[in-house]
Amino acid sequence: MSPTSLRSRASVTARGIAALTAATLVLAACSGGGDDPEPSAEDTSAPEESADAGGDATGEAGERDLTLEVGTVLPQTGSLAFLGPPEEAGVLLAAKHINDADLGITVNVTLGDSGDPDNRAYATTVPQLLNAGVNVIVGAASSGVSKLFIDEVVAAERLMISPANTSPDFTTWDDNNLYWRTAPSDLLQGEVLGNLIAQDGVANLGIIYLNDAYGTGLEKVLKETFEAANGSVVASESYNAGDTTFDAQISSVMAQNPDAIALITFEEAKTIIPALDSAGFDTSKLYFVDGNIADYSADFDAGLLEGSKGTQPGPDLGDEFRDALNEVWTAEGNDELTDWNYAAESYDAVILAALAALAANSVDGPDIAAKMQEVSGGTGGGEKATDFASAAQIIVDGGVVDYDGPSGPISFDENGDPTEATIGIFEYDGDNKLVRLN
């Protein structure tokens, strides 16, 4: 299909960081003008509620009759297209679970393409969705793409929730409380990756990174963390979106004889990896991030990436959740999923938006936004629930809910950022497939 087309399924009615094995972390709240949050290793228990945490929480008992229109702006094309299937599957599965629960809210989903800054599919998708009257935009995956349309969504007073934006810039964005994300800021991933590389004994690190909001933000935190651990970043070279050759960056980094190279890229990794191999670099000494950590078993010769490592936000997904994602995805005529990146975060984005709509008894963007922090457990001292049906029942019965889903505890802060998150650490095996280490 063309990059600017819109796929419609208008009624989806299938109705440490001292110890890197401690993957669940709690981020300090980051105020609009305060210091950067400092992640610290914690257990997986919920944060203790303050004595007045529930002071502003209100529950309104009674049946609801709401229809929530959800539109996605996720990558079907472009440099992050490999993320599209698991993210869209997460949205579809959430809609199914919400509609099956039949507790006063029906979700209709329209799937649309974000593309990337090069093909600009979002420039057609977003106006179409807004004109069609969607209440919630799920997307984009790329921080750089989200920056290109977030103001348009905010001006239309619709809720925007991204399952994968990690740029720290969104914490202080002027969004009228309408922008939220279920993925943690790269302030966390950068710290985990930097400490991982240092603990692996790397002394001299090279970096090749994408020159956009995502790449520059993650490169900055990685560099600071690695150097704070007494490592040295001997070369850090950027490239621009749309570039197809990377000889200059590779030559510059290789000239400094790094022990390892971190790749902060999207699908450009498929070009950079074999080029590094041809240049004589040991590709078992590569480090990956969420934008490029994928199953490369069909792309490269066996063993090319064996021993290389990377990070990816999100907990270890169980077989039951993966099977459910595949069932809803293949029911739409798609091939089975091979990557799972941000599937859980996409699922929870829709569940949280629906719970907030139920709590507000409204599908208007500002009304939903006013309840997002509460239903996530960030305020309100609500009752824990781990699935939509039980969470929705608490709301319908007049209670306040604190939802924890497959992406883990979220507990939004006042900026729309999750204050709890899990960063997975992975290693490539001999088939260039990922094995989770934590």
Protein backbone atom coordinates (compact mmCIF):
# COMPACT_ATOMS: atom_id res chain seq x y z
CA MET A 1 0.00 0.00 0.00
CA SER A 2 1.14 3.56 -0.52
CA PRO A 3 2.96 5.34 2.32
CA THR A 4 0.13 7.82 2.79
CA SER A 5 -2.78 5.45 2.69
CA LEU A 6 -4.96 4.77 5.71
CA ARG A 7 -5.99 1.23 6.60
CA SER A 8 -9.40 1.30 8.22
CA ARG A 9 -10.81 -1.29 10.53
CA ALA A 10 -13.45 1.12 11.72
CA SER A 11 -15.17 -1.34 14.00
CA VAL A 12 -12.77 -3.81 15.51
CA THR A 13 -15.52 -5.73 17.21
CA ALA A 14 -13.50 -8.87 18.02
CA ARG A 15 -15.35 -7.08 20.41
CA GLY A 16 22.38 -0.24 38.18
CA ILE A 17 21.70 0.57 38.45
CA ALA A 18 24.10 -1.36 40.46
CA ALA A 19 22.76 -4.73 39.45
CA LEU A 20 21.62 -4.89 35.86
CA THR A 21 19.59 -8.01 36.56
CA ALA A 22 17.18 -5.83 38.54
CA ALA A 23 15.22 -4.65 35.55
CA THR A 24 12.29 -2.86 37.15
CA LEU A 25 13.16 0.69 38.07
CA VAL A 26 11.35 3.61 39.63
CA LEU A 27 12.08 7.02 38.15
CA ALA A 28 12.11 10.11 40.33
CA ALA A 29 9.39 12.57 39.39
CA CYS A 30 10.59 15.12 36.86
CA SER A 31 8.99 18.53 37.23
CA GLY A 32 8.78 20.98 34.38
CA GLY A 33 11.77 23.02 35.48
CA GLY A 34 13.59 20.54 37.69
CA ASP A 35 16.60 18.35 37.31
CA ASP A 36 16.71 15.26 35.12
CA PRO A 37 15.28 12.22 36.90
CA GLU A 38 17.79 9.80 38.39
CA PRO A 39 16.71 6.17 37.96
CA SER A 40 17.45 3.77 40.77
CA ALA A 41 17.03 0.03 41.14
CA GLU A 42 13.97 -0.99 43.12
CA ASP A 43 11.76 -3.98 43.71
CA THR A 44 8.58 -4.49 41.71
CA SER A 45 6.16 -3.49 44.44
CA ALA A 46 3.90 -0.51 43.99
CA PRO A 47 5.08 2.81 45.39
CA GLU A 48 3.63 3.60 48.77
CA GLU A 49 0.67 5.98 48.58
CA SER A 50 0.90 9.20 50.52
CA ALA A 51 -1.69 9.90 53.18
CA ASP A 52 -3.56 12.32 50.95
CA ALA A 53 -3.00 10.46 47.69
CA GLY A 54 -6.69 9.78 47.28
CA GLY A 55 -7.82 13.25 48.28
CA ASP A 56 -8.76 14.36 44.78
CA ALA A 57 -9.96 10.97 43.55
CA THR A 58 -13.65 10.68 42.83
CA GLY A 59 -15.64 7.67 41.79
CA GLU A 60 -19.04 7.85 40.13
CA ALA A 61 -21.05 4.65 40.24
CA GLY A 62 -23.42 3.75 37.46
CA GLU A 63 -23.60 2.28 34.01
CA ARG A 64 -21.91 3.98 31.09
CA ASP A 65 -22.67 3.98 27.37
CA LEU A 66 -19.55 5.31 25.68
CA THR A 67 -17.97 4.81 22.28
CA LEU A 68 -14.27 5.57 22.11
CA GLU A 69 -12.82 6.16 18.66
CA VAL A 70 -9.11 5.26 18.58
CA GLY A 71 -6.85 6.05 15.65
CA THR A 72 -3.28 4.83 15.35
CA VAL A 73 -0.36 6.68 13.80
CA LEU A 74 2.13 3.82 13.87
CA PRO A 75 4.80 2.75 11.35
CA GLN A 76 3.46 0.64 8.52
CA THR A 77 6.21 2.06 6.29
CA GLY A 78 9.55 3.78 6.83
CA SER A 79 12.58 3.14 8.97
CA LEU A 80 10.60 1.81 11.94
CA ALA A 81 8.20 -0.40 10.00
CA PHE A 82 9.33 -3.47 11.94
CA LEU A 83 7.71 -1.95 15.04
CA GLY A 84 4.32 -1.53 13.39
CA PRO A 85 2.98 -5.11 13.58
CA PRO A 86 3.52 -5.68 17.32
CA GLU A 87 2.25 -2.20 18.18
CA GLU A 88 -0.86 -2.50 16.03
CA ALA A 89 -1.47 -6.00 17.40
CA GLY A 90 -1.35 -4.57 20.92
CA VAL A 91 -3.97 -1.97 20.01
CA LEU A 92 -6.25 -4.56 18.40
CA LEU A 93 -5.96 -6.94 21.35
CA ALA A 94 -6.81 -4.16 23.80
CA ALA A 95 -9.88 -3.24 21.76
CA LYS A 96 -10.99 -6.88 21.77
CA HIS A 97 -10.62 -7.20 25.53
CA ILE A 98 -12.44 -3.91 26.15
CA ASN A 99 -15.31 -4.80 23.86
CA ASP A 100 -15.58 -8.37 25.17
CA ALA A 101 -15.91 -7.01 28.72
CA ASP A 102 -19.11 -5.13 27.74
CA LEU A 103 -18.87 -2.74 30.69
CA GLY A 104 -20.15 0.47 29.20
CA ILE A 105 -17.51 1.37 26.63
CA THR A 106 -16.98 0.21 23.05
CA VAL A 107 -13.72 0.87 21.23
CA ASN A 108 -13.51 1.30 17.48
CA VAL A 109 -10.04 1.30 15.92
CA THR A 110 -8.73 2.85 12.71
CA LEU A 111 -5.17 1.86 11.87
CA GLY A 112 -3.10 4.54 10.15
CA ASP A 113 0.49 4.86 8.97
CA SER A 114 2.97 7.24 10.59
CA GLY A 115 5.77 6.55 8.13
CA ASP A 116 8.88 8.53 9.04
CA PRO A 117 10.18 12.09 8.53
CA ASP A 118 11.26 11.10 5.03
CA ASN A 119 8.02 9.77 3.56
CA ARG A 120 5.77 11.89 5.83
CA ALA A 121 2.85 9.47 5.85
CA TYR A 122 1.68 11.03 9.13
CA ALA A 123 0.95 14.29 7.30
CA THR A 124 -1.98 12.56 5.58
CA THR A 125 -2.93 10.14 8.35
CA VAL A 126 -3.29 12.62 11.21
CA PRO A 127 -5.70 15.04 9.46
CA GLN A 128 -7.78 12.10 8.24
CA LEU A 129 -8.09 10.72 11.76
CA LEU A 130 -8.89 14.08 13.31
CA ASN A 131 -11.49 14.85 10.63
CA ALA A 132 -13.02 11.41 11.23
CA GLY A 133 -13.59 12.35 14.87
CA VAL A 134 -11.19 10.07 16.70
CA ASN A 135 -10.96 10.77 20.43
CA VAL A 136 -7.54 9.20 20.99
CA ILE A 137 -4.42 9.08 18.81
CA VAL A 138 -2.04 6.20 19.61
CA GLY A 139 1.41 7.02 18.27
CA ALA A 140 3.80 7.76 16.92
CA ALA A 141 6.55 5.24 17.56
CA SER A 142 9.34 7.63 16.59
CA SER A 143 9.93 10.62 18.85
CA GLY A 144 11.00 12.61 15.82
CA VAL A 145 7.72 11.89 14.04
CA SER A 146 5.60 12.66 17.10
CA LYS A 147 7.23 16.08 17.33
CA LEU A 148 6.00 16.82 13.82
CA PHE A 149 2.30 16.42 14.63
CA ILE A 150 1.85 16.63 18.41
CA ASP A 151 0.85 20.30 18.26
CA GLU A 152 -1.82 19.51 15.67
CA VAL A 153 -3.37 16.89 17.94
CA VAL A 154 -3.17 19.14 21.00
CA ALA A 155 -4.81 22.01 19.10
CA ALA A 156 -7.68 19.65 18.21
CA GLU A 157 -8.04 18.76 21.93
CA ARG A 158 -7.63 15.04 21.39
CA LEU A 159 -5.72 12.71 23.68
CA MET A 160 -2.36 11.53 22.26
CA ILE A 161 -0.60 8.57 23.84
CA SER A 162 2.57 7.04 22.46
CA PRO A 163 3.68 3.50 23.23
CA ALA A 164 7.28 4.11 22.17
CA ASN A 165 8.34 7.78 22.36
CA THR A 166 11.44 7.96 24.55
CA SER A 167 12.84 11.45 23.93
CA PRO A 168 13.26 13.39 27.20
CA ASP A 169 11.93 16.48 25.39
CA PHE A 170 8.31 15.37 25.81
CA THR A 171 8.47 15.69 29.59
CA THR A 172 8.22 19.47 29.37
CA TRP A 173 6.31 19.81 26.08
CA ASP A 174 3.52 22.42 26.10
CA ASP A 175 0.74 19.87 25.57
CA ASN A 176 -2.19 21.09 27.70
CA ASN A 177 -2.03 17.74 29.55
CA LEU A 178 -3.07 15.90 26.37
CA TYR A 179 0.17 14.02 25.61
CA TRP A 180 1.03 10.79 27.49
CA ARG A 181 3.38 7.88 26.92
CA THR A 182 3.64 4.34 28.22
CA ALA A 183 7.35 4.03 27.34
CA PRO A 184 9.99 5.49 29.66
CA SER A 185 12.26 8.38 28.78
CA ASP A 186 15.68 7.54 27.36
CA LEU A 187 17.10 9.00 30.54
CA LEU A 188 16.50 5.48 31.84
CA GLN A 189 17.49 3.37 28.84
CA GLY A 190 20.68 5.40 28.36
CA GLU A 191 21.73 4.77 31.94
CA VAL A 192 21.05 1.04 31.73
CA LEU A 193 22.92 0.71 28.42
CA GLY A 194 25.88 2.80 29.58
CA ASN A 195 26.29 0.77 32.74
CA LEU A 196 25.88 -2.51 30.83
CA ILE A 197 28.69 -1.60 28.44
CA ALA A 198 30.94 -0.52 31.28
CA GLN A 199 30.26 -3.68 33.30
CA ASP A 200 31.13 -5.75 30.22
CA GLY A 201 34.67 -4.37 30.53
CA VAL A 202 34.60 -1.99 27.59
CA ALA A 203 37.08 0.88 28.07
CA ASN A 204 36.83 2.70 24.72
CA LEU A 205 33.44 3.08 23.07
CA GLY A 206 32.43 4.30 19.63
CA ILE A 207 28.90 5.49 18.86
CA ILE A 208 27.02 5.86 15.58
CA TYR A 209 23.69 7.61 16.06
CA LEU A 210 20.75 9.10 14.21
CA ASN A 211 20.67 12.88 14.27
CA ASP A 212 17.11 13.36 15.48
CA ALA A 213 15.32 13.83 18.81
CA TYR A 214 15.56 10.15 19.65
CA GLY A 215 19.16 9.61 18.62
CA THR A 216 20.66 12.76 20.09
CA GLY A 217 18.86 12.34 23.40
CA LEU A 218 19.89 8.72 23.85
CA GLU A 219 23.47 9.38 22.69
CA LYS A 220 23.83 12.15 25.28
CA VAL A 221 22.71 10.02 28.22
CA LEU A 222 24.70 6.97 27.06
CA LYS A 223 27.87 9.05 26.75
CA GLU A 224 27.41 10.70 30.15
CA THR A 225 26.69 7.41 31.89
CA PHE A 226 29.53 5.48 30.26
CA GLU A 227 32.08 8.20 31.02
CA ALA A 228 30.81 8.47 34.61
CA ALA A 229 31.69 4.75 34.87
CA ASN A 230 35.29 5.63 33.88
CA GLY A 231 34.88 4.67 30.24
CA SER A 232 35.91 6.82 27.30
CA VAL A 233 33.77 7.60 24.25
CA VAL A 234 36.53 7.82 21.66
CA ALA A 235 34.28 8.70 18.72
CA SER A 236 30.64 9.58 18.28
CA GLU A 237 29.39 10.12 14.73
CA SER A 238 25.90 11.09 13.59
CA TYR A 239 24.01 10.60 10.35
CA ASN A 240 20.78 12.09 9.05
CA ALA A 241 17.43 10.45 8.39
CA GLY A 242 17.32 9.23 4.82
CA ASP A 243 21.05 8.58 4.54
CA THR A 244 21.86 5.31 2.78
CA THR A 245 25.65 5.15 3.07
CA PHE A 246 27.62 5.38 6.29
CA ASP A 247 31.23 4.98 5.14
CA ALA A 248 32.34 8.31 6.61
CA GLN A 249 30.90 7.56 10.05
CA ILE A 250 32.31 4.03 10.09
CA SER A 251 35.77 5.19 9.01
CA SER A 252 35.85 7.92 11.65
CA VAL A 253 34.81 5.58 14.46
CA MET A 254 37.08 2.72 13.36
CA ALA A 255 40.06 5.05 13.22
CA GLN A 256 39.86 5.41 17.00
CA ASN A 257 40.08 1.63 17.61
CA PRO A 258 37.07 1.28 19.92
CA ASP A 259 36.58 -1.86 21.98
CA ALA A 260 32.86 -1.76 21.16
CA ILE A 261 30.42 0.28 19.09
CA ALA A 262 26.90 1.30 20.14
CA LEU A 263 24.41 1.73 17.29
CA ILE A 264 21.60 4.21 18.00
CA THR A 265 19.73 3.73 14.74
CA PHE A 266 16.56 2.46 13.18
CA GLU A 267 16.55 0.04 10.23
CA GLU A 268 19.79 1.61 8.97
CA ALA A 269 21.45 -0.99 11.21
CA LYS A 270 20.87 -3.51 8.41
CA THR A 271 23.29 -1.51 6.25
CA ILE A 272 25.73 -0.47 8.98
CA ILE A 273 26.28 -3.95 10.47
CA PRO A 274 27.60 -5.67 7.30
CA ALA A 275 29.66 -2.55 6.50
CA LEU A 276 31.32 -2.77 9.93
CA ASP A 277 31.95 -6.46 9.37
CA SER A 278 33.56 -5.73 5.99
CA ALA A 279 35.73 -3.08 7.63
CA GLY A 280 37.09 -5.71 10.00
CA PHE A 281 35.20 -4.84 13.17
CA ASP A 282 34.26 -7.70 15.51
CA THR A 283 30.45 -7.60 15.29
CA SER A 284 30.10 -9.51 18.55
CA LYS A 285 31.15 -6.22 20.17
CA LEU A 286 28.10 -4.25 19.02
CA TYR A 287 25.44 -2.80 21.32
CA PHE A 288 21.89 -2.13 20.20
CA VAL A 289 18.94 -0.03 21.41
CA ASP A 290 15.17 -0.25 21.11
CA GLY A 291 15.13 1.37 17.67
CA ASN A 292 17.12 -1.47 16.08
CA ILE A 293 17.07 -4.46 18.41
CA ALA A 294 15.27 -7.08 16.36
CA ASP A 295 15.40 -10.66 15.12
CA TYR A 296 18.08 -10.62 12.40
CA SER A 297 18.04 -14.36 11.75
CA ALA A 298 16.70 -13.83 8.23
CA ASP A 299 19.01 -10.92 7.44
CA PHE A 300 22.57 -12.04 8.21
CA ASP A 301 24.69 -15.17 8.16
CA ALA A 302 24.50 -17.26 11.31
CA GLY A 303 26.86 -16.12 14.02
CA LEU A 304 27.39 -12.57 12.73
CA LEU A 305 25.89 -10.98 15.84
CA GLU A 306 26.51 -13.76 18.35
CA GLY A 307 27.49 -12.23 21.70
CA SER A 308 26.40 -8.68 20.89
CA LYS A 309 23.89 -7.11 23.28
CA GLY A 310 21.23 -4.45 23.55
CA THR A 311 18.43 -2.91 25.58
CA GLN A 312 14.68 -2.69 25.06
CA PRO A 313 12.10 -1.12 27.39
CA GLY A 314 9.43 -3.52 28.58
CA PRO A 315 9.07 -6.64 30.72
CA ASP A 316 9.37 -10.22 29.57
CA LEU A 317 6.06 -11.05 27.89
CA GLY A 318 4.55 -14.39 28.77
CA ASP A 319 3.48 -16.96 26.20
CA GLU A 320 -0.20 -16.35 26.93
CA PHE A 321 0.02 -12.68 25.98
CA ARG A 322 2.14 -13.39 22.91
CA ASP A 323 -0.31 -16.06 21.75
CA ALA A 324 -3.21 -13.64 22.18
CA LEU A 325 -1.37 -10.99 20.16
CA ASN A 326 -0.71 -13.47 17.37
CA GLU A 327 -4.31 -14.65 17.38
CA VAL A 328 -5.77 -11.18 16.93
CA TRP A 329 -3.07 -10.21 14.42
CA THR A 330 -3.35 -13.25 12.17
CA ALA A 331 -7.17 -13.02 12.31
CA GLU A 332 -6.75 -9.81 10.29
CA GLY A 333 -4.97 -11.76 7.55
CA ASN A 334 -1.43 -10.91 8.68
CA ASP A 335 1.59 -13.18 9.05
CA GLU A 336 2.57 -14.24 12.55
CA LEU A 337 4.53 -11.74 14.60
CA THR A 338 8.30 -12.15 14.85
CA ASP A 339 9.08 -9.08 17.00
CA TRP A 340 7.27 -7.98 20.16
CA ASN A 341 8.72 -4.52 20.71
CA TYR A 342 6.25 -2.16 22.36
CA ALA A 343 3.29 -4.52 21.96
CA ALA A 344 2.54 -4.38 25.69
CA GLU A 345 2.96 -0.61 25.82
CA SER A 346 0.52 -0.24 22.89
CA TYR A 347 -1.97 -2.53 24.61
CA ASP A 348 -1.77 -0.58 27.86
CA ALA A 349 -2.07 2.75 26.04
CA VAL A 350 -5.53 1.80 24.80
CA ILE A 351 -6.59 0.15 28.08
CA LEU A 352 -5.59 3.22 30.11
CA ALA A 353 -7.36 5.59 27.72
CA ALA A 354 -10.54 3.49 27.95
CA LEU A 355 -10.36 3.33 31.75
CA ALA A 356 -9.83 7.08 31.93
CA ALA A 357 -12.85 7.61 29.66
CA LEU A 358 -14.93 5.37 31.95
CA ALA A 359 -13.73 7.24 35.03
CA ALA A 360 -14.57 10.57 33.40
CA ASN A 361 -17.78 9.21 31.85
CA SER A 362 -16.71 11.08 28.74
CA VAL A 363 -14.74 10.52 25.54
CA ASP A 364 -13.65 14.14 25.14
CA GLY A 365 -9.88 14.48 25.05
CA PRO A 366 -9.44 16.88 28.00
CA ASP A 367 -11.84 14.82 30.14
CA ILE A 368 -9.95 11.60 29.44
CA ALA A 369 -6.64 13.33 30.10
CA ALA A 370 -7.86 14.52 33.49
CA LYS A 371 -8.23 10.89 34.62
CA MET A 372 -5.13 9.31 33.03
CA GLN A 373 -2.84 9.81 36.02
CA GLU A 374 -5.48 8.49 38.41
CA VAL A 375 -6.29 5.24 36.60
CA SER A 376 -2.57 4.48 36.23
CA GLY A 377 -2.02 4.74 39.98
CA GLY A 378 -0.07 7.98 39.81
CA THR A 379 -2.68 9.58 42.06
CA GLY A 380 -5.86 8.51 43.79
CA GLY A 381 -4.77 5.56 45.90
CA GLY A 382 -6.91 3.29 43.78
CA GLU A 383 -7.59 -0.44 43.97
CA LYS A 384 -5.15 -2.60 42.01
CA ALA A 385 -6.35 -4.40 38.87
CA THR A 386 -4.37 -6.21 36.20
CA ASP A 387 -6.96 -6.68 33.45
CA PHE A 388 -9.51 -4.40 31.82
CA ALA A 389 -12.65 -6.20 32.96
CA SER A 390 -11.83 -6.09 36.67
CA ALA A 391 -10.48 -2.54 36.38
CA ALA A 392 -13.59 -1.31 34.60
CA GLN A 393 -15.86 -3.02 37.14
CA ILE A 394 -14.18 -1.09 39.96
CA ILE A 395 -14.95 2.17 38.15
CA VAL A 396 -18.55 1.24 37.32
CA ASP A 397 -19.07 0.31 40.97
CA GLY A 398 -17.97 3.78 42.02
CA GLY A 399 -14.40 3.01 42.99
CA VAL A 400 -10.99 4.29 41.90
CA VAL A 401 -8.70 1.94 40.02
CA ASP A 402 -4.92 1.56 39.81
CA TYR A 403 -4.27 -0.44 36.63
CA ASP A 404 -1.07 -2.42 36.07
CA GLY A 405 -0.91 -4.16 32.70
CA PRO A 406 1.46 -6.36 30.70
CA SER A 407 3.93 -3.48 30.27
CA GLY A 408 4.22 -3.35 34.06
CA PRO A 409 3.37 -0.65 36.60
CA ILE A 410 3.19 2.75 34.93
CA SER A 411 2.02 5.28 37.55
CA PHE A 412 2.00 8.42 35.38
CA ASP A 413 3.43 11.61 36.82
CA GLU A 414 1.98 15.04 36.18
CA ASN A 415 3.95 15.30 32.93
CA GLY A 416 2.39 12.16 31.43
CA ASP A 417 5.57 10.12 31.92
CA PRO A 418 5.60 6.66 33.51
CA THR A 419 7.42 6.69 36.84
CA GLU A 420 8.01 2.95 36.78
CA ALA A 421 9.52 1.01 33.92
CA THR A 422 11.39 -2.15 32.99
CA ILE A 423 14.42 -2.22 30.70
CA GLY A 424 15.21 -5.62 29.20
CA ILE A 425 18.80 -6.66 28.45
CA PHE A 426 19.29 -8.99 25.50
CA GLU A 427 22.09 -10.95 23.84
CA TYR A 428 22.21 -12.35 20.31
CA ASP A 429 22.65 -16.09 19.88
CA GLY A 430 24.30 -18.00 17.04
CA ASP A 431 21.19 -17.61 14.87
CA ASN A 432 21.14 -13.83 15.32
CA LYS A 433 18.06 -14.15 17.50
CA LEU A 434 17.53 -12.37 20.79
CA VAL A 435 17.83 -14.07 24.17
CA ARG A 436 16.66 -12.09 27.19
CA LEU A 437 19.21 -12.05 30.02
CA ASN A 438 17.05 -10.59 32.79
